[in-house]
Amino acid sequence: MPTVRRLLLLVPVVALLAAGCGGGGGGTGGTTVRSSPPLTRAQYQAKLQALIAGISKSIGKTASSADKLTKGDVDRVARAFRTFADRLRQVEPPPAVKALHDRLVKAMNDLAHDFPDIARKLQEAKDPSTAISALLGARAVQELSRVITELRAKGYKLNFNG
């Protein structure tokens, strides 16, 4: 059976695959007024890729040791997701993907909020299929998957291997 920590590594991959940035404080969840001009397609893709690498690194540190997650581990992962959303909120996306970008920010905040419950379900799972169902069945993970699929349909190439 996959360990909880290995499944944790799947969260950013699954959630952002079907997105990032690491560490730091919690978010406010509010609307940010952006003062910079919108990024070009290439700049936006590069910015997303840098943020994805950061969140993968941050979560990888938490998910690399023991089988059981501590409350501190869960809090650190949730904080990483919230920080990712906060940093994304500061990005001015190209107009063609603004609505998708806003959905990505909201989905990451939702994932940060829902993560403690997802982690609890992963830890309580009796078998791999139950654990995977808990992960893939999470509303925020499903929305992130849809957003990433839509970004890819618009030609954005994102690497989720950090």
Protein backbone atom coordinates (compact mmCIF):
# COMPACT_ATOMS: atom_id res chain seq x y z
CA MET A 1 0.00 0.00 0.00
CA PRO A 2 1.31 3.45 -0.83
CA THR A 3 2.26 5.37 2.27
CA VAL A 4 0.40 8.50 3.22
CA ARG A 5 3.48 10.53 2.42
CA ARG A 6 3.76 9.08 -1.09
CA LEU A 7 0.11 9.93 -1.63
CA LEU A 8 0.86 13.42 -0.37
CA LEU A 9 3.36 13.75 -3.18
CA LEU A 10 0.50 12.96 -5.54
CA VAL A 11 -1.56 15.91 -4.30
CA PRO A 12 0.30 18.59 -6.23
CA VAL A 13 0.77 16.28 -9.20
CA VAL A 14 -2.85 15.14 -9.35
CA ALA A 15 -4.30 18.42 -8.28
CA LEU A 16 -2.19 20.41 -10.63
CA LEU A 17 -2.13 17.80 -13.40
CA ALA A 18 -5.49 15.78 -14.20
CA ALA A 19 -0.42 25.14 -10.97
CA GLY A 20 2.43 26.49 -7.87
CA CYS A 21 5.00 27.93 -4.89
CA GLY A 22 6.21 26.82 -1.51
CA GLY A 23 6.42 27.67 2.18
CA GLY A 24 5.35 30.84 3.88
CA GLY A 25 2.38 32.28 5.66
CA GLY A 26 -1.33 31.98 5.28
CA GLY A 27 -3.46 33.86 2.83
CA THR A 28 -6.16 36.38 3.17
CA GLY A 29 -8.28 35.07 0.32
CA GLY A 30 -9.21 38.58 -0.83
CA THR A 31 -9.00 40.25 -4.18
CA THR A 32 -5.68 41.82 -5.04
CA VAL A 33 -5.50 44.89 -7.22
CA ARG A 34 -2.68 44.24 -9.65
CA SER A 35 -0.71 47.24 -10.82
CA SER A 36 1.48 45.56 -13.41
CA PRO A 37 0.44 44.92 -17.00
CA PRO A 38 -0.75 41.42 -17.94
CA LEU A 39 1.97 38.88 -18.58
CA THR A 40 2.48 37.50 -22.04
CA ARG A 41 1.63 33.87 -22.68
CA ALA A 42 5.31 32.86 -22.38
CA GLN A 43 5.85 34.93 -19.22
CA TYR A 44 2.72 33.48 -17.60
CA GLN A 45 3.70 29.93 -18.46
CA ALA A 46 7.20 30.54 -17.04
CA LYS A 47 5.74 32.09 -13.87
CA LEU A 48 3.40 29.14 -13.33
CA GLN A 49 6.29 26.74 -13.90
CA ALA A 50 8.43 28.52 -11.30
CA LEU A 51 5.57 28.43 -8.80
CA ILE A 52 4.96 24.73 -9.51
CA ALA A 53 8.62 23.97 -8.88
CA GLY A 54 8.44 25.82 -5.58
CA ILE A 55 5.36 24.02 -4.29
CA SER A 56 6.73 20.65 -5.37
CA LYS A 57 9.95 21.33 -3.47
CA SER A 58 8.11 22.57 -0.40
CA ILE A 59 5.71 19.63 -0.26
CA GLY A 60 8.46 17.16 -1.13
CA LYS A 61 10.29 18.15 2.06
CA THR A 62 7.21 17.38 4.15
CA ALA A 63 6.39 14.20 2.31
CA SER A 64 9.77 12.51 2.35
CA SER A 65 10.15 11.03 5.82
CA ALA A 66 7.91 8.88 8.06
CA ASP A 67 4.65 7.14 7.11
CA LYS A 68 2.39 9.10 9.44
CA LEU A 69 1.67 12.76 8.97
CA THR A 70 1.81 14.96 11.99
CA LYS A 71 -0.50 17.91 12.47
CA GLY A 72 2.54 20.06 11.71
CA ASP A 73 3.06 18.27 8.38
CA VAL A 74 -0.58 18.80 7.43
CA ASP A 75 -0.40 22.45 8.45
CA ARG A 76 2.80 22.99 6.41
CA VAL A 77 1.25 21.47 3.28
CA ALA A 78 -1.95 23.50 3.68
CA ARG A 79 0.18 26.63 4.21
CA ALA A 80 2.16 25.83 1.04
CA PHE A 81 -1.08 25.60 -0.94
CA ARG A 82 -2.32 28.88 0.57
CA THR A 83 1.00 30.58 -0.19
CA PHE A 84 0.77 29.31 -3.76
CA ALA A 85 -2.68 30.86 -4.07
CA ASP A 86 -1.45 34.13 -2.55
CA ARG A 87 1.44 34.34 -4.98
CA LEU A 88 -0.79 33.45 -7.92
CA ARG A 89 -3.20 36.19 -6.87
CA GLN A 90 -0.37 38.69 -7.41
CA VAL A 91 0.20 37.53 -10.99
CA GLU A 92 -1.52 39.41 -13.80
CA PRO A 93 -2.37 36.65 -16.30
CA PRO A 94 -2.92 37.17 -20.01
CA PRO A 95 -6.49 38.36 -20.61
CA ALA A 96 -7.34 35.13 -22.48
CA VAL A 97 -6.84 33.06 -19.30
CA LYS A 98 -7.87 35.53 -16.58
CA ALA A 99 -11.01 33.57 -15.65
CA LEU A 100 -9.03 30.31 -15.53
CA HIS A 101 -6.37 31.99 -13.42
CA ASP A 102 -8.98 33.23 -10.96
CA ARG A 103 -10.41 29.70 -10.74
CA LEU A 104 -6.90 28.36 -10.11
CA VAL A 105 -6.42 30.79 -7.21
CA LYS A 106 -9.77 29.82 -5.70
CA ALA A 107 -9.16 26.09 -6.16
CA MET A 108 -5.78 26.34 -4.42
CA ASN A 109 -7.34 28.21 -1.51
CA ASP A 110 -10.06 25.55 -1.37
CA LEU A 111 -7.40 22.82 -1.38
CA ALA A 112 -5.56 24.55 1.47
CA HIS A 113 -8.81 24.69 3.42
CA ASP A 114 -9.80 21.07 2.63
CA PHE A 115 -6.36 19.53 3.00
CA PRO A 116 -6.61 18.58 6.69
CA ASP A 117 -9.73 16.53 5.91
CA ILE A 118 -8.11 14.99 2.83
CA ALA A 119 -5.02 14.05 4.89
CA ARG A 120 -7.23 12.50 7.59
CA LYS A 121 -9.04 10.40 4.98
CA LEU A 122 -5.70 9.31 3.48
CA GLN A 123 -4.45 8.23 6.90
CA GLU A 124 -7.66 6.37 7.73
CA ALA A 125 -7.76 4.54 4.40
CA LYS A 126 -7.56 0.79 4.80
CA ASP A 127 -6.35 0.13 1.26
CA PRO A 128 -4.80 2.01 -1.67
CA SER A 129 -8.04 2.31 -3.64
CA THR A 130 -9.78 3.99 -0.70
CA ALA A 131 -6.86 6.40 -0.29
CA ILE A 132 -6.79 7.24 -3.98
CA SER A 133 -10.57 7.73 -3.99
CA ALA A 134 -10.23 10.14 -1.07
CA LEU A 135 -7.62 12.11 -2.97
CA LEU A 136 -9.27 12.11 -6.38
CA GLY A 137 -12.74 12.64 -4.92
CA ALA A 138 -11.80 15.90 -3.24
CA ARG A 139 -13.76 18.77 -4.79
CA ALA A 140 -10.72 21.09 -4.89
CA VAL A 141 -8.59 18.43 -6.59
CA GLN A 142 -11.30 17.90 -9.20
CA GLU A 143 -11.55 21.64 -9.90
CA LEU A 144 -7.75 21.97 -10.17
CA SER A 145 -7.74 19.12 -12.62
CA ARG A 146 -10.39 20.87 -14.74
CA VAL A 147 -8.49 24.18 -14.67
CA ILE A 148 -5.21 22.54 -15.69
CA THR A 149 -6.95 20.61 -18.46
CA GLU A 150 -8.39 23.88 -19.74
CA LEU A 151 -5.01 25.64 -19.55
CA ARG A 152 -3.47 22.80 -21.52
CA ALA A 153 -6.28 23.01 -24.09
CA LYS A 154 -5.26 26.66 -24.55
CA GLY A 155 -1.71 25.54 -25.33
CA TYR A 156 0.03 25.99 -21.97
CA LYS A 157 2.70 23.36 -21.43
CA LEU A 158 3.36 22.82 -17.75
CA ASN A 159 5.79 20.34 -16.18
CA PHE A 160 4.63 19.00 -12.84
CA ASN A 161 7.81 17.15 -11.95
CA GLY A 162 9.29 20.14 -10.10
